[in-house]
Amino acid sequence: MKKEIIDRVIDGWKNHLLQGELQDYQLEIDEKVPIKFAALALHLDSRTVKASGKAEEYYEGYREAAIEILSLLEVEIVQDDQMRVISLVYKENEDDKQEELKQHIWG
């Protein structure tokens, strides 16, 4: 994905979602999240919000698919209302955590 496309997706997300109650929020992207994955996550988030105005079944299906894709990419979108920040963070896979725990316990 070209930098121009990534920038356009990020700017589009900001212009679409950082409005109204969220206008004072900032976007933070964890350095562990590849920028291509961040752009994909923001695109899915924006599309999911747009889908929410359509039929309920359509929205639910789209939301579940978006969550599944973000989970596969190990990316999570977190909103902190106190700090007024929306963050894209690396979400370690449960299998990876289990493997790390096994290594720690048994060496």
PDB file of N, CA and C in Angstrom:
ATOM      1  N   MET A   1       0.857  -1.169   0.000  1.00  0.00           N
ATOM      2  CA  MET A   1       0.000   0.000   0.000  1.00  0.00           C
ATOM      3  C   MET A   1       0.907   1.236   0.000  1.00  0.00           C
ATOM      4  N   LYS A   2       0.630   2.148  -0.908  1.00  0.00           N
ATOM      5  CA  LYS A   2       1.438   3.353  -1.034  1.00  0.00           C
ATOM      6  C   LYS A   2       1.151   4.316   0.115  1.00  0.00           C
ATOM      7  N   LYS A   3       2.162   5.127   0.446  1.00  0.00           N
ATOM      8  CA  LYS A   3       2.036   6.101   1.524  1.00  0.00           C
ATOM      9  C   LYS A   3       0.876   7.064   1.282  1.00  0.00           C
ATOM     10  N   GLU A   4       0.668   7.453   0.035  1.00  0.00           N
ATOM     11  CA  GLU A   4      -0.424   8.372  -0.280  1.00  0.00           C
ATOM     12  C   GLU A   4      -1.779   7.768   0.068  1.00  0.00           C
ATOM     13  N   ILE A   5      -1.933   6.484  -0.208  1.00  0.00           N
ATOM     14  CA  ILE A   5      -3.196   5.797   0.105  1.00  0.00           C
ATOM     15  C   ILE A   5      -3.373   5.694   1.616  1.00  0.00           C
ATOM     16  N   ILE A   6      -2.304   5.348   2.311  1.00  0.00           N
ATOM     17  CA  ILE A   6      -2.357   5.256   3.775  1.00  0.00           C
ATOM     18  C   ILE A   6      -2.747   6.610   4.360  1.00  0.00           C
ATOM     19  N   ASP A   7      -2.094   7.670   3.898  1.00  0.00           N
ATOM     20  CA  ASP A   7      -2.411   9.019   4.394  1.00  0.00           C
ATOM     21  C   ASP A   7      -3.863   9.394   4.097  1.00  0.00           C
ATOM     22  N   ARG A   8      -4.348   9.034   2.916  1.00  0.00           N
ATOM     23  CA  ARG A   8      -5.728   9.346   2.530  1.00  0.00           C
ATOM     24  C   ARG A   8      -6.724   8.596   3.429  1.00  0.00           C
ATOM     25  N   VAL A   9      -6.427   7.336   3.743  1.00  0.00           N
ATOM     26  CA  VAL A   9      -7.302   6.550   4.615  1.00  0.00           C
ATOM     27  C   VAL A   9      -7.330   7.155   6.019  1.00  0.00           C
ATOM     28  N   ILE A  10      -6.166   7.485   6.558  1.00  0.00           N
ATOM     29  CA  ILE A  10      -6.079   8.060   7.904  1.00  0.00           C
ATOM     30  C   ILE A  10      -6.793   9.409   7.952  1.00  0.00           C
ATOM     31  N   ASP A  11      -6.535  10.256   6.971  1.00  0.00           N
ATOM     32  CA  ASP A  11      -7.201  11.566   6.930  1.00  0.00           C
ATOM     33  C   ASP A  11      -8.715  11.415   6.761  1.00  0.00           C
ATOM     34  N   GLY A  12      -9.117  10.465   5.921  1.00  0.00           N
ATOM     35  CA  GLY A  12     -10.542  10.212   5.720  1.00  0.00           C
ATOM     36  C   GLY A  12     -11.222   9.768   7.002  1.00  0.00           C
ATOM     37  N   TRP A  13     -10.553   8.896   7.755  1.00  0.00           N
ATOM     38  CA  TRP A  13     -11.096   8.430   9.038  1.00  0.00           C
ATOM     39  C   TRP A  13     -11.241   9.611   9.996  1.00  0.00           C
ATOM     40  N   LYS A  14     -10.207  10.429  10.087  1.00  0.00           N
ATOM     41  CA  LYS A  14     -10.255  11.592  10.986  1.00  0.00           C
ATOM     42  C   LYS A  14     -11.395  12.529  10.601  1.00  0.00           C
ATOM     43  N   ASN A  15     -11.530  12.812   9.304  1.00  0.00           N
ATOM     44  CA  ASN A  15     -12.576  13.724   8.849  1.00  0.00           C
ATOM     45  C   ASN A  15     -13.975  13.148   9.055  1.00  0.00           C
ATOM     46  N   HIS A  16     -14.097  11.839   8.978  1.00  0.00           N
ATOM     47  CA  HIS A  16     -15.397  11.192   9.116  1.00  0.00           C
ATOM     48  C   HIS A  16     -15.790  10.991  10.576  1.00  0.00           C
ATOM     49  N   LEU A  17     -14.840  10.557  11.399  1.00  0.00           N
ATOM     50  CA  LEU A  17     -15.195  10.153  12.768  1.00  0.00           C
ATOM     51  C   LEU A  17     -14.838  11.145  13.866  1.00  0.00           C
ATOM     52  N   LEU A  18     -13.847  11.963  13.648  1.00  0.00           N
ATOM     53  CA  LEU A  18     -13.482  12.921  14.696  1.00  0.00           C
ATOM     54  C   LEU A  18     -14.316  14.190  14.538  1.00  0.00           C
ATOM     55  N   GLN A  19     -15.618  14.023  14.668  1.00  0.00           N
ATOM     56  CA  GLN A  19     -16.605  15.086  14.543  1.00  0.00           C
ATOM     57  C   GLN A  19     -17.470  15.113  15.794  1.00  0.00           C
ATOM     58  N   GLY A  20     -18.188  16.189  16.012  1.00  0.00           N
ATOM     59  CA  GLY A  20     -19.136  16.261  17.129  1.00  0.00           C
ATOM     60  C   GLY A  20     -18.465  16.003  18.468  1.00  0.00           C
ATOM     61  N   GLU A  21     -18.952  15.014  19.189  1.00  0.00           N
ATOM     62  CA  GLU A  21     -18.414  14.695  20.518  1.00  0.00           C
ATOM     63  C   GLU A  21     -16.954  14.261  20.478  1.00  0.00           C
ATOM     64  N   LEU A  22     -16.502  13.778  19.348  1.00  0.00           N
ATOM     65  CA  LEU A  22     -15.120  13.293  19.228  1.00  0.00           C
ATOM     66  C   LEU A  22     -14.174  14.312  18.586  1.00  0.00           C
ATOM     67  N   GLN A  23     -14.640  15.525  18.349  1.00  0.00           N
ATOM     68  CA  GLN A  23     -13.823  16.491  17.609  1.00  0.00           C
ATOM     69  C   GLN A  23     -12.530  16.877  18.324  1.00  0.00           C
ATOM     70  N   ASP A  24     -12.473  16.775  19.636  1.00  0.00           N
ATOM     71  CA  ASP A  24     -11.259  17.123  20.374  1.00  0.00           C
ATOM     72  C   ASP A  24     -10.338  15.924  20.603  1.00  0.00           C
ATOM     73  N   TYR A  25     -10.696  14.774  20.073  1.00  0.00           N
ATOM     74  CA  TYR A  25      -9.892  13.563  20.263  1.00  0.00           C
ATOM     75  C   TYR A  25      -8.718  13.546  19.292  1.00  0.00           C
ATOM     76  N   GLN A  26      -7.689  12.812  19.681  1.00  0.00           N
ATOM     77  CA  GLN A  26      -6.510  12.609  18.841  1.00  0.00           C
ATOM     78  C   GLN A  26      -6.409  11.125  18.494  1.00  0.00           C
ATOM     79  N   LEU A  27      -5.756  10.829  17.406  1.00  0.00           N
ATOM     80  CA  LEU A  27      -5.496   9.457  17.001  1.00  0.00           C
ATOM     81  C   LEU A  27      -4.056   9.119  17.321  1.00  0.00           C
ATOM     82  N   GLU A  28      -3.856   7.990  18.002  1.00  0.00           N
ATOM     83  CA  GLU A  28      -2.507   7.502  18.276  1.00  0.00           C
ATOM     84  C   GLU A  28      -2.390   6.092  17.729  1.00  0.00           C
ATOM     85  N   ILE A  29      -1.274   5.824  17.048  1.00  0.00           N
ATOM     86  CA  ILE A  29      -1.034   4.503  16.486  1.00  0.00           C
ATOM     87  C   ILE A  29       0.212   3.929  17.150  1.00  0.00           C
ATOM     88  N   ASP A  30       0.033   2.820  17.847  1.00  0.00           N
ATOM     89  CA  ASP A  30       1.126   2.126  18.529  1.00  0.00           C
ATOM     90  C   ASP A  30       2.216   1.778  17.513  1.00  0.00           C
ATOM     91  N   GLU A  31       3.463   1.987  17.895  1.00  0.00           N
ATOM     92  CA  GLU A  31       4.577   1.705  16.980  1.00  0.00           C
ATOM     93  C   GLU A  31       4.678   0.225  16.632  1.00  0.00           C
ATOM     94  N   LYS A  32       4.061  -0.656  17.436  1.00  0.00           N
ATOM     95  CA  LYS A  32       4.072  -2.090  17.142  1.00  0.00           C
ATOM     96  C   LYS A  32       3.078  -2.459  16.039  1.00  0.00           C
ATOM     97  N   VAL A  33       2.170  -1.540  15.721  1.00  0.00           N
ATOM     98  CA  VAL A  33       1.162  -1.793  14.684  1.00  0.00           C
ATOM     99  C   VAL A  33       1.721  -1.317  13.342  1.00  0.00           C
ATOM    100  N   PRO A  34       1.904  -2.233  12.386  1.00  0.00           N
ATOM    101  CA  PRO A  34       2.359  -1.796  11.060  1.00  0.00           C
ATOM    102  C   PRO A  34       1.375  -0.780  10.481  1.00  0.00           C
ATOM    103  N   ILE A  35       1.896   0.258   9.854  1.00  0.00           N
ATOM    104  CA  ILE A  35       1.056   1.354   9.370  1.00  0.00           C
ATOM    105  C   ILE A  35       0.023   0.854   8.354  1.00  0.00           C
ATOM    106  N   LYS A  36       0.356  -0.159   7.579  1.00  0.00           N
ATOM    107  CA  LYS A  36      -0.618  -0.723   6.636  1.00  0.00           C
ATOM    108  C   LYS A  36      -1.795  -1.344   7.385  1.00  0.00           C
ATOM    109  N   PHE A  37      -1.501  -2.014   8.492  1.00  0.00           N
ATOM    110  CA  PHE A  37      -2.562  -2.612   9.302  1.00  0.00           C
ATOM    111  C   PHE A  37      -3.401  -1.513   9.955  1.00  0.00           C
ATOM    112  N   ALA A  38      -2.748  -0.441  10.375  1.00  0.00           N
ATOM    113  CA  ALA A  38      -3.473   0.684  10.980  1.00  0.00           C
ATOM    114  C   ALA A  38      -4.439   1.288   9.968  1.00  0.00           C
ATOM    115  N   ALA A  39      -3.977   1.469   8.740  1.00  0.00           N
ATOM    116  CA  ALA A  39      -4.847   2.026   7.700  1.00  0.00           C
ATOM    117  C   ALA A  39      -6.029   1.103   7.437  1.00  0.00           C
ATOM    118  N   LEU A  40      -5.776  -0.192   7.383  1.00  0.00           N
ATOM    119  CA  LEU A  40      -6.857  -1.159   7.177  1.00  0.00           C
ATOM    120  C   LEU A  40      -7.846  -1.117   8.338  1.00  0.00           C
ATOM    121  N   ALA A  41      -7.349  -1.038   9.562  1.00  0.00           N
ATOM    122  CA  ALA A  41      -8.218  -0.972  10.742  1.00  0.00           C
ATOM    123  C   ALA A  41      -9.091   0.281  10.703  1.00  0.00           C
ATOM    124  N   LEU A  42      -8.505   1.402  10.346  1.00  0.00           N
ATOM    125  CA  LEU A  42      -9.271   2.649  10.287  1.00  0.00           C
ATOM    126  C   LEU A  42     -10.295   2.618   9.158  1.00  0.00           C
ATOM    127  N   HIS A  43      -9.929   2.014   8.045  1.00  0.00           N
ATOM    128  CA  HIS A  43     -10.877   1.880   6.936  1.00  0.00           C
ATOM    129  C   HIS A  43     -12.067   1.015   7.367  1.00  0.00           C
ATOM    130  N   LEU A  44     -11.791  -0.117   8.014  1.00  0.00           N
ATOM    131  CA  LEU A  44     -12.874  -0.986   8.485  1.00  0.00           C
ATOM    132  C   LEU A  44     -13.743  -0.278   9.517  1.00  0.00           C
ATOM    133  N   ASP A  45     -13.109   0.483  10.401  1.00  0.00           N
ATOM    134  CA  ASP A  45     -13.865   1.213  11.417  1.00  0.00           C
ATOM    135  C   ASP A  45     -14.803   2.223  10.759  1.00  0.00           C
ATOM    136  N   SER A  46     -14.299   2.960   9.798  1.00  0.00           N
ATOM    137  CA  SER A  46     -15.109   3.954   9.104  1.00  0.00           C
ATOM    138  C   SER A  46     -16.250   3.284   8.346  1.00  0.00           C
ATOM    139  N   ARG A  47     -15.970   2.198   7.651  1.00  0.00           N
ATOM    140  CA  ARG A  47     -17.009   1.480   6.901  1.00  0.00           C
ATOM    141  C   ARG A  47     -18.060   0.888   7.829  1.00  0.00           C
ATOM    142  N   THR A  48     -17.641   0.423   9.003  1.00  0.00           N
ATOM    143  CA  THR A  48     -18.583  -0.141   9.960  1.00  0.00           C
ATOM    144  C   THR A  48     -19.528   0.942  10.466  1.00  0.00           C
ATOM    145  N   VAL A  49     -18.993   2.124  10.735  1.00  0.00           N
ATOM    146  CA  VAL A  49     -19.840   3.232  11.183  1.00  0.00           C
ATOM    147  C   VAL A  49     -20.833   3.602  10.081  1.00  0.00           C
ATOM    148  N   LYS A  50     -20.375   3.638   8.847  1.00  0.00           N
ATOM    149  CA  LYS A  50     -21.280   3.945   7.729  1.00  0.00           C
ATOM    150  C   LYS A  50     -22.349   2.871   7.596  1.00  0.00           C
ATOM    151  N   ALA A  51     -21.973   1.612   7.808  1.00  0.00           N
ATOM    152  CA  ALA A  51     -22.921   0.497   7.684  1.00  0.00           C
ATOM    153  C   ALA A  51     -23.977   0.528   8.782  1.00  0.00           C
ATOM    154  N   SER A  52     -23.670   1.170   9.902  1.00  0.00           N
ATOM    155  CA  SER A  52     -24.621   1.197  11.014  1.00  0.00           C
ATOM    156  C   SER A  52     -25.900   1.936  10.657  1.00  0.00           C
ATOM    157  N   GLY A  53     -25.852   2.757   9.637  1.00  0.00           N
ATOM    158  CA  GLY A  53     -27.049   3.471   9.198  1.00  0.00           C
ATOM    159  C   GLY A  53     -27.915   2.656   8.253  1.00  0.00           C
ATOM    160  N   LYS A  54     -27.449   1.460   7.900  1.00  0.00           N
ATOM    161  CA  LYS A  54     -28.201   0.596   6.987  1.00  0.00           C
ATOM    162  C   LYS A  54     -28.951  -0.446   7.802  1.00  0.00           C
ATOM    163  N   ALA A  55     -29.456  -1.454   7.150  1.00  0.00           N
ATOM    164  CA  ALA A  55     -30.227  -2.502   7.830  1.00  0.00           C
ATOM    165  C   ALA A  55     -29.404  -3.147   8.942  1.00  0.00           C
ATOM    166  N   GLU A  56     -30.055  -3.485  10.036  1.00  0.00           N
ATOM    167  CA  GLU A  56     -29.388  -4.042  11.222  1.00  0.00           C
ATOM    168  C   GLU A  56     -28.597  -5.316  10.894  1.00  0.00           C
ATOM    169  N   GLU A  57     -29.156  -6.205  10.078  1.00  0.00           N
ATOM    170  CA  GLU A  57     -28.455  -7.451   9.747  1.00  0.00           C
ATOM    171  C   GLU A  57     -27.159  -7.151   8.990  1.00  0.00           C
ATOM    172  N   TYR A  58     -27.231  -6.178   8.103  1.00  0.00           N
ATOM    173  CA  TYR A  58     -26.065  -5.780   7.322  1.00  0.00           C
ATOM    174  C   TYR A  58     -24.980  -5.252   8.256  1.00  0.00           C
ATOM    175  N   TYR A  59     -25.368  -4.372   9.170  1.00  0.00           N
ATOM    176  CA  TYR A  59     -24.416  -3.781  10.106  1.00  0.00           C
ATOM    177  C   TYR A  59     -23.778  -4.845  10.983  1.00  0.00           C
ATOM    178  N   GLU A  60     -24.582  -5.741  11.553  1.00  0.00           N
ATOM    179  CA  GLU A  60     -24.049  -6.780  12.441  1.00  0.00           C
ATOM    180  C   GLU A  60     -23.047  -7.658  11.718  1.00  0.00           C
ATOM    181  N   GLY A  61     -23.377  -8.050  10.511  1.00  0.00           N
ATOM    182  CA  GLY A  61     -22.458  -8.884   9.733  1.00  0.00           C
ATOM    183  C   GLY A  61     -21.162  -8.160   9.431  1.00  0.00           C
ATOM    184  N   TYR A  62     -21.270  -6.918   9.058  1.00  0.00           N
ATOM    185  CA  TYR A  62     -20.085  -6.121   8.736  1.00  0.00           C
ATOM    186  C   TYR A  62     -19.230  -5.919   9.989  1.00  0.00           C
ATOM    187  N   ARG A  63     -19.875  -5.620  11.127  1.00  0.00           N
ATOM    188  CA  ARG A  63     -19.158  -5.394  12.375  1.00  0.00           C
ATOM    189  C   ARG A  63     -18.405  -6.652  12.802  1.00  0.00           C
ATOM    190  N   GLU A  64     -19.078  -7.794  12.732  1.00  0.00           N
ATOM    191  CA  GLU A  64     -18.433  -9.048  13.122  1.00  0.00           C
ATOM    192  C   GLU A  64     -17.249  -9.368  12.214  1.00  0.00           C
ATOM    193  N   ALA A  65     -17.400  -9.139  10.916  1.00  0.00           N
ATOM    194  CA  ALA A  65     -16.302  -9.380   9.981  1.00  0.00           C
ATOM    195  C   ALA A  65     -15.130  -8.452  10.273  1.00  0.00           C
ATOM    196  N   ALA A  66     -15.408  -7.190  10.542  1.00  0.00           N
ATOM    197  CA  ALA A  66     -14.346  -6.222  10.846  1.00  0.00           C
ATOM    198  C   ALA A  66     -13.595  -6.620  12.115  1.00  0.00           C
ATOM    199  N   ILE A  67     -14.328  -7.032  13.138  1.00  0.00           N
ATOM    200  CA  ILE A  67     -13.693  -7.454  14.396  1.00  0.00           C
ATOM    201  C   ILE A  67     -12.813  -8.670  14.162  1.00  0.00           C
ATOM    202  N   GLU A  68     -13.294  -9.613  13.370  1.00  0.00           N
ATOM    203  CA  GLU A  68     -12.524 -10.826  13.067  1.00  0.00           C
ATOM    204  C   GLU A  68     -11.234 -10.491  12.324  1.00  0.00           C
ATOM    205  N   ILE A  69     -11.314  -9.587  11.357  1.00  0.00           N
ATOM    206  CA  ILE A  69     -10.124  -9.199  10.594  1.00  0.00           C
ATOM    207  C   ILE A  69      -9.118  -8.492  11.499  1.00  0.00           C
ATOM    208  N   LEU A  70      -9.593  -7.581  12.338  1.00  0.00           N
ATOM    209  CA  LEU A  70      -8.684  -6.871  13.252  1.00  0.00           C
ATOM    210  C   LEU A  70      -8.027  -7.853  14.212  1.00  0.00           C
ATOM    211  N   SER A  71      -8.776  -8.843  14.647  1.00  0.00           N
ATOM    212  CA  SER A  71      -8.222  -9.855  15.541  1.00  0.00           C
ATOM    213  C   SER A  71      -7.106 -10.633  14.845  1.00  0.00           C
ATOM    214  N   LEU A  72      -7.320 -10.998  13.591  1.00  0.00           N
ATOM    215  CA  LEU A  72      -6.280 -11.693  12.827  1.00  0.00           C
ATOM    216  C   LEU A  72      -5.036 -10.834  12.649  1.00  0.00           C
ATOM    217  N   LEU A  73      -5.237  -9.534  12.495  1.00  0.00           N
ATOM    218  CA  LEU A  73      -4.115  -8.607  12.332  1.00  0.00           C
ATOM    219  C   LEU A  73      -3.464  -8.241  13.663  1.00  0.00           C
ATOM    220  N   GLU A  74      -4.096  -8.667  14.760  1.00  0.00           N
ATOM    221  CA  GLU A  74      -3.636  -8.367  16.118  1.00  0.00           C
ATOM    222  C   GLU A  74      -3.646  -6.862  16.390  1.00  0.00           C
ATOM    223  N   VAL A  75      -4.740  -6.209  15.954  1.00  0.00           N
ATOM    224  CA  VAL A  75      -4.917  -4.774  16.148  1.00  0.00           C
ATOM    225  C   VAL A  75      -6.222  -4.555  16.892  1.00  0.00           C
ATOM    226  N   GLU A  76      -6.199  -3.627  17.838  1.00  0.00           N
ATOM    227  CA  GLU A  76      -7.403  -3.279  18.578  1.00  0.00           C
ATOM    228  C   GLU A  76      -7.548  -1.763  18.594  1.00  0.00           C
ATOM    229  N   ILE A  77      -8.781  -1.290  18.480  1.00  0.00           N
ATOM    230  CA  ILE A  77      -9.056   0.137  18.555  1.00  0.00           C
ATOM    231  C   ILE A  77      -9.623   0.421  19.936  1.00  0.00           C
ATOM    232  N   VAL A  78      -8.962   1.324  20.657  1.00  0.00           N
ATOM    233  CA  VAL A  78      -9.330   1.623  22.039  1.00  0.00           C
ATOM    234  C   VAL A  78      -9.609   3.119  22.168  1.00  0.00           C
ATOM    235  N   GLN A  79     -10.720   3.449  22.821  1.00  0.00           N
ATOM    236  CA  GLN A  79     -11.082   4.853  23.036  1.00  0.00           C
ATOM    237  C   GLN A  79     -10.924   5.199  24.508  1.00  0.00           C
ATOM    238  N   ASP A  80     -10.114   6.220  24.814  1.00  0.00           N
ATOM    239  CA  ASP A  80      -9.906   6.696  26.182  1.00  0.00           C
ATOM    240  C   ASP A  80     -10.561   8.064  26.300  1.00  0.00           C
ATOM    241  N   ASP A  81     -11.725   8.097  26.961  1.00  0.00           N
ATOM    242  CA  ASP A  81     -12.473   9.355  27.056  1.00  0.00           C
ATOM    243  C   ASP A  81     -11.822  10.362  28.001  1.00  0.00           C
ATOM    244  N   GLN A  82     -11.070   9.896  28.979  1.00  0.00           N
ATOM    245  CA  GLN A  82     -10.394  10.826  29.884  1.00  0.00           C
ATOM    246  C   GLN A  82      -9.265  11.570  29.176  1.00  0.00           C
ATOM    247  N   MET A  83      -8.478  10.821  28.421  1.00  0.00           N
ATOM    248  CA  MET A  83      -7.340  11.420  27.712  1.00  0.00           C
ATOM    249  C   MET A  83      -7.758  11.984  26.345  1.00  0.00           C
ATOM    250  N   ARG A  84      -8.986  11.688  25.929  1.00  0.00           N
ATOM    251  CA  ARG A  84      -9.518  12.126  24.646  1.00  0.00           C
ATOM    252  C   ARG A  84      -8.638  11.642  23.495  1.00  0.00           C
ATOM    253  N   VAL A  85      -8.386  10.316  23.534  1.00  0.00           N
ATOM    254  CA  VAL A  85      -7.520   9.685  22.545  1.00  0.00           C
ATOM    255  C   VAL A  85      -8.183   8.409  22.047  1.00  0.00           C
ATOM    256  N   ILE A  86      -8.055   8.179  20.766  1.00  0.00           N
ATOM    257  CA  ILE A  86      -8.433   6.902  20.177  1.00  0.00           C
ATOM    258  C   ILE A  86      -7.132   6.282  19.699  1.00  0.00           C
ATOM    259  N   SER A  87      -6.848   5.076  20.197  1.00  0.00           N
ATOM    260  CA  SER A  87      -5.566   4.442  19.924  1.00  0.00           C
ATOM    261  C   SER A  87      -5.739   3.147  19.153  1.00  0.00           C
ATOM    262  N   LEU A  88      -4.816   2.909  18.256  1.00  0.00           N
ATOM    263  CA  LEU A  88      -4.694   1.608  17.618  1.00  0.00           C
ATOM    264  C   LEU A  88      -3.521   0.939  18.306  1.00  0.00           C
ATOM    265  N   VAL A  89      -3.785  -0.182  18.948  1.00  0.00           N
ATOM    266  CA  VAL A  89      -2.750  -0.855  19.724  1.00  0.00           C
ATOM    267  C   VAL A  89      -2.575  -2.289  19.240  1.00  0.00           C
ATOM    268  N   TYR A  90      -1.390  -2.793  19.479  1.00  0.00           N
ATOM    269  CA  TYR A  90      -1.077  -4.184  19.180  1.00  0.00           C
ATOM    270  C   TYR A  90      -1.754  -5.048  20.231  1.00  0.00           C
ATOM    271  N   LYS A  91      -2.495  -6.038  19.794  1.00  0.00           N
ATOM    272  CA  LYS A  91      -3.185  -6.956  20.697  1.00  0.00           C
ATOM    273  C   LYS A  91      -2.571  -8.330  20.495  1.00  0.00           C
ATOM    274  N   GLU A  92      -1.787  -8.745  21.470  1.00  0.00           N
ATOM    275  CA  GLU A  92      -1.089 -10.017  21.347  1.00  0.00           C
ATOM    276  C   GLU A  92      -2.078 -11.168  21.264  1.00  0.00           C
ATOM    277  N   ASN A  93      -1.822 -12.064  20.348  1.00  0.00           N
ATOM    278  CA  ASN A  93      -2.643 -13.244  20.145  1.00  0.00           C
ATOM    279  C   ASN A  93      -2.581 -14.132  21.385  1.00  0.00           C
ATOM    280  N   GLU A  94      -3.704 -14.699  21.783  1.00  0.00           N
ATOM    281  CA  GLU A  94      -3.764 -15.567  22.969  1.00  0.00           C
ATOM    282  C   GLU A  94      -2.812 -16.753  22.847  1.00  0.00           C
ATOM    283  N   ASP A  95      -2.669 -17.316  21.631  1.00  0.00           N
ATOM    284  CA  ASP A  95      -1.744 -18.437  21.434  1.00  0.00           C
ATOM    285  C   ASP A  95      -0.314 -17.999  21.719  1.00  0.00           C
ATOM    286  N   ASP A  96       0.040 -16.774  21.293  1.00  0.00           N
ATOM    287  CA  ASP A  96       1.375 -16.246  21.549  1.00  0.00           C
ATOM    288  C   ASP A  96       1.610 -16.075  23.044  1.00  0.00           C
ATOM    289  N   LYS A  97       0.587 -15.594  23.757  1.00  0.00           N
ATOM    290  CA  LYS A  97       0.709 -15.420  25.206  1.00  0.00           C
ATOM    291  C   LYS A  97       0.916 -16.762  25.890  1.00  0.00           C
ATOM    292  N   GLN A  98       0.175 -17.775  25.450  1.00  0.00           N
ATOM    293  CA  GLN A  98       0.315 -19.109  26.044  1.00  0.00           C
ATOM    294  C   GLN A  98       1.712 -19.675  25.797  1.00  0.00           C
ATOM    295  N   GLU A  99       2.210 -19.485  24.591  1.00  0.00           N
ATOM    296  CA  GLU A  99       3.549 -19.973  24.257  1.00  0.00           C
ATOM    297  C   GLU A  99       4.604 -19.255  25.098  1.00  0.00           C
ATOM    298  N   GLU A 100       4.451 -17.950  25.264  1.00  0.00           N
ATOM    299  CA  GLU A 100       5.379 -17.171  26.084  1.00  0.00           C
ATOM    300  C   GLU A 100       5.342 -17.636  27.536  1.00  0.00           C
ATOM    301  N   LEU A 101       4.148 -17.918  28.045  1.00  0.00           N
ATOM    302  CA  LEU A 101       4.004 -18.410  29.409  1.00  0.00           C
ATOM    303  C   LEU A 101       4.668 -19.772  29.569  1.00  0.00           C
ATOM    304  N   LYS A 102       4.476 -20.664  28.595  1.00  0.00           N
ATOM    305  CA  LYS A 102       5.117 -21.990  28.648  1.00  0.00           C
ATOM    306  C   LYS A 102       6.628 -21.840  28.695  1.00  0.00           C
ATOM    307  N   GLN A 103       7.162 -20.948  27.828  1.00  0.00           N
ATOM    308  CA  GLN A 103       8.611 -20.739  27.800  1.00  0.00           C
ATOM    309  C   GLN A 103       9.104 -20.195  29.137  1.00  0.00           C
ATOM    310  N   HIS A 104       8.335 -19.301  29.735  1.00  0.00           N
ATOM    311  CA  HIS A 104       8.734 -18.721  31.017  1.00  0.00           C
ATOM    312  C   HIS A 104       8.725 -19.778  32.120  1.00  0.00           C
ATOM    313  N   ILE A 105       7.714 -20.633  32.127  1.00  0.00           N
ATOM    314  CA  ILE A 105       7.578 -21.635  33.188  1.00  0.00           C
ATOM    315  C   ILE A 105       8.568 -22.788  33.001  1.00  0.00           C
ATOM    316  N   TRP A 106       8.636 -23.340  31.789  1.00  0.00           N
ATOM    317  CA  TRP A 106       9.438 -24.534  31.578  1.00  0.00           C
ATOM    318  C   TRP A 106      10.758 -24.285  30.866  1.00  0.00           C
ATOM    319  N   GLY A 107      10.977 -23.074  30.452  1.00  0.00           N
ATOM    320  CA  GLY A 107      12.255 -22.737  29.824  1.00  0.00           C
ATOM    321  C   GLY A 107      12.387 -23.075  28.409  1.00  0.00           C
TER     322      GLY A 107
END
